[in-house]
Amino acid sequence: MLPDESGTMFNTSTNSYSLYFRNPLDFSILEQIILPAMFKRNESSGSRAVRIWSAGCADGQEPYSLLMVAADLIKERFNNESVMVFATDISAKALQNAKKGSYSSIVMQNVKLSRLTDYFSNKGAVWTVTDKLKQLVEFSHYDLLDTKSTSPPCSIFGGFDLVVCCNVLIYYKPDIQLFILDKLYNSLTDHGCLMVDQSERMILKLHKGFRRFNPAGNIFTKE
């Protein structure tokens, strides 16, 4: 762990508030272009499952959003393909909430009605992720400032097709941002993509290894 930075920024960077499909445009690009291309590439090569890392998953809205998009694509177009989602956070409390998978209506505003029906049960104003969806994601503790690894141990070797790291980089100083970007870069496959928050896309200029996928979005491809 890098000295001082982790302790200093812990309380700020573990802010776990989020929404489902927080950046709708980016999720649309994932659904319409990027994930289908990944499934097609695996389909033609006979490769393994599409591997996704939600780095800084907070209370779980992000990895569950990613899973819903991938699961719908598999159901509708890629029946022989599969997806593995690894979701990590430094906060034990956030991970506990994510595994529970229960949310108030206020964070559900961007979820389509069909997905509410397929992937949630509700009781009053509380929506709970179905076990079917929960079993597709591996939640684990991981510190992005760990100097001894390039990816969460539960993933064994990294090799991610997609890494989503939103609202994390913004909290750190430039040298630490670059350290994290190096880690994310090394965890990606050669054709991998990184998605960040809109507030963080300028930070990607610090790193020469990423090229913006679409001028309108916040997704970058590995060079």
C-alpha atoms as a PDB file:
ATOM      1  CA  MET A   1       0.000   0.000   0.000  1.00  0.00           C
ATOM      2  CA  LEU A   2       1.327   3.449  -0.833  1.00  0.00           C
ATOM      3  CA  PRO A   3       2.173   5.449   2.312  1.00  0.00           C
ATOM      4  CA  ASP A   4      -0.139   8.167   3.599  1.00  0.00           C
ATOM      5  CA  GLU A   5      -2.462   8.311   0.581  1.00  0.00           C
ATOM      6  CA  SER A   6      -4.658   5.385   1.590  1.00  0.00           C
ATOM      7  CA  GLY A   7      -5.176   6.545   5.135  1.00  0.00           C
ATOM      8  CA  THR A   8      -5.650  10.170   4.217  1.00  0.00           C
ATOM      9  CA  MET A   9      -8.236   9.566   1.513  1.00  0.00           C
ATOM     10  CA  PHE A  10     -10.037   6.545   2.954  1.00  0.00           C
ATOM     11  CA  ASN A  11     -13.135   8.257   4.291  1.00  0.00           C
ATOM     12  CA  THR A  12     -13.606  10.318   1.142  1.00  0.00           C
ATOM     13  CA  SER A  13     -12.927   7.623  -1.416  1.00  0.00           C
ATOM     14  CA  THR A  14     -15.257   5.118   0.213  1.00  0.00           C
ATOM     15  CA  ASN A  15     -18.325   7.221  -0.516  1.00  0.00           C
ATOM     16  CA  SER A  16     -20.681   4.442  -1.564  1.00  0.00           C
ATOM     17  CA  TYR A  17     -23.602   6.427  -2.961  1.00  0.00           C
ATOM     18  CA  SER A  18     -24.409   5.537  -6.550  1.00  0.00           C
ATOM     19  CA  LEU A  19     -27.242   4.910  -8.982  1.00  0.00           C
ATOM     20  CA  TYR A  20     -28.078   2.098 -11.343  1.00  0.00           C
ATOM     21  CA  PHE A  21     -26.883   2.901 -14.882  1.00  0.00           C
ATOM     22  CA  ARG A  22     -25.358   6.095 -13.541  1.00  0.00           C
ATOM     23  CA  ASN A  23     -23.996   7.189 -16.933  1.00  0.00           C
ATOM     24  CA  PRO A  24     -26.730   6.070 -19.370  1.00  0.00           C
ATOM     25  CA  LEU A  25     -24.785   7.015 -22.521  1.00  0.00           C
ATOM     26  CA  ASP A  26     -21.796   4.884 -21.554  1.00  0.00           C
ATOM     27  CA  PHE A  27     -24.020   1.931 -20.719  1.00  0.00           C
ATOM     28  CA  SER A  28     -25.726   2.358 -24.093  1.00  0.00           C
ATOM     29  CA  ILE A  29     -22.322   2.232 -25.834  1.00  0.00           C
ATOM     30  CA  LEU A  30     -21.474  -0.896 -23.856  1.00  0.00           C
ATOM     31  CA  GLU A  31     -24.779  -2.517 -24.760  1.00  0.00           C
ATOM     32  CA  GLN A  32     -24.897  -1.555 -28.427  1.00  0.00           C
ATOM     33  CA  ILE A  33     -21.235  -1.768 -29.462  1.00  0.00           C
ATOM     34  CA  ILE A  34     -18.576  -2.873 -27.004  1.00  0.00           C
ATOM     35  CA  LEU A  35     -20.010  -5.942 -25.260  1.00  0.00           C
ATOM     36  CA  PRO A  36     -21.501  -7.402 -28.486  1.00  0.00           C
ATOM     37  CA  ALA A  37     -18.073  -7.058 -30.116  1.00  0.00           C
ATOM     38  CA  MET A  38     -16.477  -8.843 -27.150  1.00  0.00           C
ATOM     39  CA  PHE A  39     -19.010 -11.670 -27.291  1.00  0.00           C
ATOM     40  CA  LYS A  40     -18.553 -12.005 -31.073  1.00  0.00           C
ATOM     41  CA  ARG A  41     -14.766 -12.121 -30.705  1.00  0.00           C
ATOM     42  CA  ASN A  42     -15.017 -14.849 -28.102  1.00  0.00           C
ATOM     43  CA  GLU A  43     -17.619 -16.689 -30.161  1.00  0.00           C
ATOM     44  CA  SER A  44     -15.378 -16.801 -33.228  1.00  0.00           C
ATOM     45  CA  SER A  45     -12.244 -17.764 -31.308  1.00  0.00           C
ATOM     46  CA  GLY A  46     -13.815 -20.255 -28.917  1.00  0.00           C
ATOM     47  CA  SER A  47     -12.387 -18.194 -26.090  1.00  0.00           C
ATOM     48  CA  ARG A  48     -13.341 -18.035 -22.406  1.00  0.00           C
ATOM     49  CA  ALA A  49     -16.062 -15.914 -20.826  1.00  0.00           C
ATOM     50  CA  VAL A  50     -16.021 -12.137 -21.103  1.00  0.00           C
ATOM     51  CA  ARG A  51     -14.357 -10.933 -17.904  1.00  0.00           C
ATOM     52  CA  ILE A  52     -15.358  -7.645 -16.262  1.00  0.00           C
ATOM     53  CA  TRP A  53     -13.890  -5.888 -13.226  1.00  0.00           C
ATOM     54  CA  SER A  54     -15.905  -3.286 -11.331  1.00  0.00           C
ATOM     55  CA  ALA A  55     -13.101  -1.528  -9.424  1.00  0.00           C
ATOM     56  CA  GLY A  56     -14.573   0.483  -6.572  1.00  0.00           C
ATOM     57  CA  CYS A  57     -18.018  -1.102  -6.749  1.00  0.00           C
ATOM     58  CA  ALA A  58     -19.463   0.723  -3.699  1.00  0.00           C
ATOM     59  CA  ASP A  59     -22.896  -0.686  -2.789  1.00  0.00           C
ATOM     60  CA  GLY A  60     -23.115  -2.814  -5.933  1.00  0.00           C
ATOM     61  CA  GLN A  61     -25.215  -0.774  -8.339  1.00  0.00           C
ATOM     62  CA  GLU A  62     -22.426  -0.680 -10.902  1.00  0.00           C
ATOM     63  CA  PRO A  63     -21.637  -4.418 -11.179  1.00  0.00           C
ATOM     64  CA  TYR A  64     -25.316  -5.342 -11.147  1.00  0.00           C
ATOM     65  CA  SER A  65     -25.948  -2.802 -13.944  1.00  0.00           C
ATOM     66  CA  LEU A  66     -23.137  -4.350 -15.976  1.00  0.00           C
ATOM     67  CA  LEU A  67     -24.503  -7.818 -15.354  1.00  0.00           C
ATOM     68  CA  MET A  68     -27.994  -6.899 -16.497  1.00  0.00           C
ATOM     69  CA  VAL A  69     -26.657  -5.565 -19.789  1.00  0.00           C
ATOM     70  CA  ALA A  70     -24.487  -8.643 -20.361  1.00  0.00           C
ATOM     71  CA  ALA A  71     -27.201 -11.092 -19.278  1.00  0.00           C
ATOM     72  CA  ASP A  72     -29.728  -9.523 -21.660  1.00  0.00           C
ATOM     73  CA  LEU A  73     -27.273  -9.761 -24.556  1.00  0.00           C
ATOM     74  CA  ILE A  74     -26.551 -13.401 -23.780  1.00  0.00           C
ATOM     75  CA  LYS A  75     -30.255 -14.184 -23.557  1.00  0.00           C
ATOM     76  CA  GLU A  76     -31.169 -12.358 -26.753  1.00  0.00           C
ATOM     77  CA  ARG A  77     -28.165 -12.860 -29.057  1.00  0.00           C
ATOM     78  CA  PHE A  78     -25.275 -14.836 -27.593  1.00  0.00           C
ATOM     79  CA  ASN A  79     -26.730 -17.955 -26.024  1.00  0.00           C
ATOM     80  CA  ASN A  80     -23.463 -19.872 -26.039  1.00  0.00           C
ATOM     81  CA  GLU A  81     -21.434 -17.117 -24.386  1.00  0.00           C
ATOM     82  CA  SER A  82     -20.935 -16.266 -20.716  1.00  0.00           C
ATOM     83  CA  VAL A  83     -19.734 -13.437 -18.500  1.00  0.00           C
ATOM     84  CA  MET A  84     -17.779 -13.243 -15.255  1.00  0.00           C
ATOM     85  CA  VAL A  85     -17.978 -10.089 -13.127  1.00  0.00           C
ATOM     86  CA  PHE A  86     -15.511  -9.361 -10.323  1.00  0.00           C
ATOM     87  CA  ALA A  87     -16.500  -6.466  -8.060  1.00  0.00           C
ATOM     88  CA  THR A  88     -14.122  -5.020  -5.490  1.00  0.00           C
ATOM     89  CA  ASP A  89     -14.066  -2.245  -2.933  1.00  0.00           C
ATOM     90  CA  ILE A  90     -11.930  -1.212   0.024  1.00  0.00           C
ATOM     91  CA  SER A  91     -14.989  -0.741   2.265  1.00  0.00           C
ATOM     92  CA  ALA A  92     -16.265  -3.821   4.105  1.00  0.00           C
ATOM     93  CA  LYS A  93     -19.563  -2.066   4.756  1.00  0.00           C
ATOM     94  CA  ALA A  94     -20.083  -1.289   1.069  1.00  0.00           C
ATOM     95  CA  LEU A  95     -19.329  -4.902   0.129  1.00  0.00           C
ATOM     96  CA  GLN A  96     -21.805  -6.143   2.718  1.00  0.00           C
ATOM     97  CA  ASN A  97     -24.488  -3.880   1.240  1.00  0.00           C
ATOM     98  CA  ALA A  98     -23.613  -5.017  -2.287  1.00  0.00           C
ATOM     99  CA  LYS A  99     -23.915  -8.700  -1.406  1.00  0.00           C
ATOM    100  CA  LYS A 100     -27.283  -8.020   0.231  1.00  0.00           C
ATOM    101  CA  GLY A 101     -28.434  -6.255  -2.939  1.00  0.00           C
ATOM    102  CA  SER A 102     -31.358  -4.257  -1.510  1.00  0.00           C
ATOM    103  CA  TYR A 103     -31.953  -0.693  -2.673  1.00  0.00           C
ATOM    104  CA  SER A 104     -34.378   2.165  -2.237  1.00  0.00           C
ATOM    105  CA  SER A 105     -36.474   3.368  -5.164  1.00  0.00           C
ATOM    106  CA  ILE A 106     -34.418   6.558  -5.468  1.00  0.00           C
ATOM    107  CA  VAL A 107     -31.428   4.724  -6.995  1.00  0.00           C
ATOM    108  CA  MET A 108     -33.576   2.689  -9.412  1.00  0.00           C
ATOM    109  CA  GLN A 109     -34.724   5.524 -11.671  1.00  0.00           C
ATOM    110  CA  ASN A 110     -32.611   4.493 -14.698  1.00  0.00           C
ATOM    111  CA  VAL A 111     -33.605   0.807 -14.647  1.00  0.00           C
ATOM    112  CA  LYS A 112     -35.921  -0.327 -17.451  1.00  0.00           C
ATOM    113  CA  LEU A 113     -39.228  -1.872 -16.438  1.00  0.00           C
ATOM    114  CA  SER A 114     -38.287  -5.174 -18.111  1.00  0.00           C
ATOM    115  CA  ARG A 115     -35.136  -5.360 -15.988  1.00  0.00           C
ATOM    116  CA  LEU A 116     -36.993  -4.509 -12.813  1.00  0.00           C
ATOM    117  CA  THR A 117     -39.248  -7.455 -13.600  1.00  0.00           C
ATOM    118  CA  ASP A 118     -36.490  -9.878 -14.576  1.00  0.00           C
ATOM    119  CA  TYR A 119     -33.804  -9.078 -12.029  1.00  0.00           C
ATOM    120  CA  PHE A 120     -35.488  -7.696  -8.904  1.00  0.00           C
ATOM    121  CA  SER A 121     -38.157  -8.422  -6.364  1.00  0.00           C
ATOM    122  CA  ASN A 122     -39.700  -5.578  -4.450  1.00  0.00           C
ATOM    123  CA  LYS A 123     -41.362  -4.994  -1.142  1.00  0.00           C
ATOM    124  CA  GLY A 124     -42.740  -1.516  -0.765  1.00  0.00           C
ATOM    125  CA  ALA A 125     -40.023   0.963  -1.710  1.00  0.00           C
ATOM    126  CA  VAL A 126     -37.205  -1.602  -1.429  1.00  0.00           C
ATOM    127  CA  TRP A 127     -35.908  -3.472  -4.481  1.00  0.00           C
ATOM    128  CA  THR A 128     -33.753  -6.576  -4.023  1.00  0.00           C
ATOM    129  CA  VAL A 129     -31.573  -8.218  -6.661  1.00  0.00           C
ATOM    130  CA  THR A 130     -32.578 -11.788  -7.517  1.00  0.00           C
ATOM    131  CA  ASP A 131     -30.331 -14.668  -6.495  1.00  0.00           C
ATOM    132  CA  LYS A 132     -29.989 -15.486 -10.210  1.00  0.00           C
ATOM    133  CA  LEU A 133     -28.115 -12.233 -10.739  1.00  0.00           C
ATOM    134  CA  LYS A 134     -26.210 -12.285  -7.448  1.00  0.00           C
ATOM    135  CA  GLN A 135     -24.605 -15.620  -8.256  1.00  0.00           C
ATOM    136  CA  LEU A 136     -22.971 -14.145 -11.362  1.00  0.00           C
ATOM    137  CA  VAL A 137     -20.784 -11.656  -9.491  1.00  0.00           C
ATOM    138  CA  GLU A 138     -17.816 -12.235  -7.182  1.00  0.00           C
ATOM    139  CA  PHE A 139     -17.548  -9.528  -4.512  1.00  0.00           C
ATOM    140  CA  SER A 140     -14.251  -9.153  -2.667  1.00  0.00           C
ATOM    141  CA  HIS A 141     -12.109  -6.675  -0.738  1.00  0.00           C
ATOM    142  CA  TYR A 142      -9.311  -5.078  -2.731  1.00  0.00           C
ATOM    143  CA  ASP A 143      -7.181  -1.974  -2.312  1.00  0.00           C
ATOM    144  CA  LEU A 144      -6.286  -0.296  -5.606  1.00  0.00           C
ATOM    145  CA  LEU A 145      -3.208   1.126  -3.870  1.00  0.00           C
ATOM    146  CA  ASP A 146      -1.786  -2.335  -3.197  1.00  0.00           C
ATOM    147  CA  THR A 147       1.709  -2.379  -4.711  1.00  0.00           C
ATOM    148  CA  LYS A 148       1.994  -6.179  -4.743  1.00  0.00           C
ATOM    149  CA  SER A 149      -0.703  -7.018  -7.285  1.00  0.00           C
ATOM    150  CA  THR A 150      -2.140  -5.801 -10.586  1.00  0.00           C
ATOM    151  CA  SER A 151      -5.604  -7.252 -10.066  1.00  0.00           C
ATOM    152  CA  PRO A 152      -7.825  -8.678  -7.304  1.00  0.00           C
ATOM    153  CA  PRO A 153      -6.658 -12.122  -6.134  1.00  0.00           C
ATOM    154  CA  CYS A 154     -10.109 -13.641  -6.716  1.00  0.00           C
ATOM    155  CA  SER A 155      -9.648 -13.076 -10.457  1.00  0.00           C
ATOM    156  CA  ILE A 156      -6.449 -15.176 -10.315  1.00  0.00           C
ATOM    157  CA  PHE A 157      -4.745 -13.620 -13.345  1.00  0.00           C
ATOM    158  CA  GLY A 158      -6.632 -10.455 -14.290  1.00  0.00           C
ATOM    159  CA  GLY A 159      -7.110 -10.685 -18.051  1.00  0.00           C
ATOM    160  CA  PHE A 160     -10.155  -8.418 -18.060  1.00  0.00           C
ATOM    161  CA  ASP A 161     -11.975  -7.461 -21.230  1.00  0.00           C
ATOM    162  CA  LEU A 162     -13.595  -4.504 -19.478  1.00  0.00           C
ATOM    163  CA  VAL A 163     -12.680  -2.558 -16.357  1.00  0.00           C
ATOM    164  CA  VAL A 164     -15.107  -0.007 -14.913  1.00  0.00           C
ATOM    165  CA  CYS A 165     -13.553   2.408 -12.433  1.00  0.00           C
ATOM    166  CA  CYS A 166     -15.891   5.355 -11.873  1.00  0.00           C
ATOM    167  CA  ASN A 167     -15.636   8.053  -9.211  1.00  0.00           C
ATOM    168  CA  VAL A 168     -12.368   6.695  -7.829  1.00  0.00           C
ATOM    169  CA  LEU A 169      -9.529   8.450  -9.640  1.00  0.00           C
ATOM    170  CA  ILE A 170     -10.989  11.887  -8.964  1.00  0.00           C
ATOM    171  CA  TYR A 171     -10.155  11.609  -5.251  1.00  0.00           C
ATOM    172  CA  TYR A 172      -6.403  11.126  -5.681  1.00  0.00           C
ATOM    173  CA  LYS A 173      -3.351  13.202  -6.538  1.00  0.00           C
ATOM    174  CA  PRO A 174      -1.864  12.888 -10.056  1.00  0.00           C
ATOM    175  CA  ASP A 175       0.944  10.487  -9.103  1.00  0.00           C
ATOM    176  CA  ILE A 176      -1.527   8.120  -7.438  1.00  0.00           C
ATOM    177  CA  GLN A 177      -3.927   8.440 -10.362  1.00  0.00           C
ATOM    178  CA  LEU A 178      -1.117   7.337 -12.653  1.00  0.00           C
ATOM    179  CA  PHE A 179      -0.277   4.423 -10.362  1.00  0.00           C
ATOM    180  CA  ILE A 180      -3.902   3.227 -10.484  1.00  0.00           C
ATOM    181  CA  LEU A 181      -4.119   3.706 -14.264  1.00  0.00           C
ATOM    182  CA  ASP A 182      -0.969   1.602 -14.686  1.00  0.00           C
ATOM    183  CA  LYS A 183      -2.598  -1.132 -12.630  1.00  0.00           C
ATOM    184  CA  LEU A 184      -5.824  -1.035 -14.632  1.00  0.00           C
ATOM    185  CA  TYR A 185      -3.883  -1.003 -17.907  1.00  0.00           C
ATOM    186  CA  ASN A 186      -1.899  -4.086 -16.907  1.00  0.00           C
ATOM    187  CA  SER A 187      -5.048  -5.926 -15.837  1.00  0.00           C
ATOM    188  CA  LEU A 188      -6.676  -5.552 -19.271  1.00  0.00           C
ATOM    189  CA  THR A 189      -6.418  -7.848 -22.282  1.00  0.00           C
ATOM    190  CA  ASP A 190      -4.920  -6.434 -25.488  1.00  0.00           C
ATOM    191  CA  HIS A 191      -8.388  -5.474 -26.756  1.00  0.00           C
ATOM    192  CA  GLY A 192      -9.656  -4.349 -23.361  1.00  0.00           C
ATOM    193  CA  CYS A 193     -11.642  -1.234 -22.471  1.00  0.00           C
ATOM    194  CA  LEU A 194     -11.697   1.070 -19.451  1.00  0.00           C
ATOM    195  CA  MET A 195     -14.768   3.073 -18.441  1.00  0.00           C
ATOM    196  CA  VAL A 196     -14.455   6.023 -16.066  1.00  0.00           C
ATOM    197  CA  ASP A 197     -16.775   8.785 -14.910  1.00  0.00           C
ATOM    198  CA  GLN A 198     -17.276  11.946 -16.959  1.00  0.00           C
ATOM    199  CA  SER A 199     -15.435  13.933 -14.286  1.00  0.00           C
ATOM    200  CA  GLU A 200     -12.374  11.704 -14.749  1.00  0.00           C
ATOM    201  CA  ARG A 201     -11.875  11.487 -18.493  1.00  0.00           C
ATOM    202  CA  MET A 202      -9.325  14.327 -18.528  1.00  0.00           C
ATOM    203  CA  ILE A 203      -7.260  12.297 -16.059  1.00  0.00           C
ATOM    204  CA  LEU A 204      -6.726   9.679 -18.768  1.00  0.00           C
ATOM    205  CA  LYS A 205      -4.434  12.156 -20.529  1.00  0.00           C
ATOM    206  CA  LEU A 206      -1.904  11.301 -17.816  1.00  0.00           C
ATOM    207  CA  HIS A 207      -1.522   7.855 -19.338  1.00  0.00           C
ATOM    208  CA  LYS A 208      -0.298   7.139 -22.874  1.00  0.00           C
ATOM    209  CA  GLY A 209      -1.818   3.672 -22.968  1.00  0.00           C
ATOM    210  CA  PHE A 210      -5.474   4.614 -23.467  1.00  0.00           C
ATOM    211  CA  ARG A 211      -7.360   6.039 -26.451  1.00  0.00           C
ATOM    212  CA  ARG A 212     -10.878   7.414 -26.192  1.00  0.00           C
ATOM    213  CA  PHE A 213     -13.345   5.055 -27.835  1.00  0.00           C
ATOM    214  CA  ASN A 214     -16.068   7.567 -28.622  1.00  0.00           C
ATOM    215  CA  PRO A 215     -15.961  11.407 -28.384  1.00  0.00           C
ATOM    216  CA  ALA A 216     -19.347  11.398 -26.680  1.00  0.00           C
ATOM    217  CA  GLY A 217     -18.579   8.884 -23.955  1.00  0.00           C
ATOM    218  CA  ASN A 218     -16.134   8.048 -21.169  1.00  0.00           C
ATOM    219  CA  ILE A 219     -14.843   4.708 -22.423  1.00  0.00           C
ATOM    220  CA  PHE A 220     -11.225   4.179 -23.468  1.00  0.00           C
ATOM    221  CA  THR A 221      -9.531   1.359 -25.330  1.00  0.00           C
ATOM    222  CA  LYS A 222      -6.139  -0.070 -24.441  1.00  0.00           C
ATOM    223  CA  GLU A 223      -3.458   0.952 -26.951  1.00  0.00           C
END
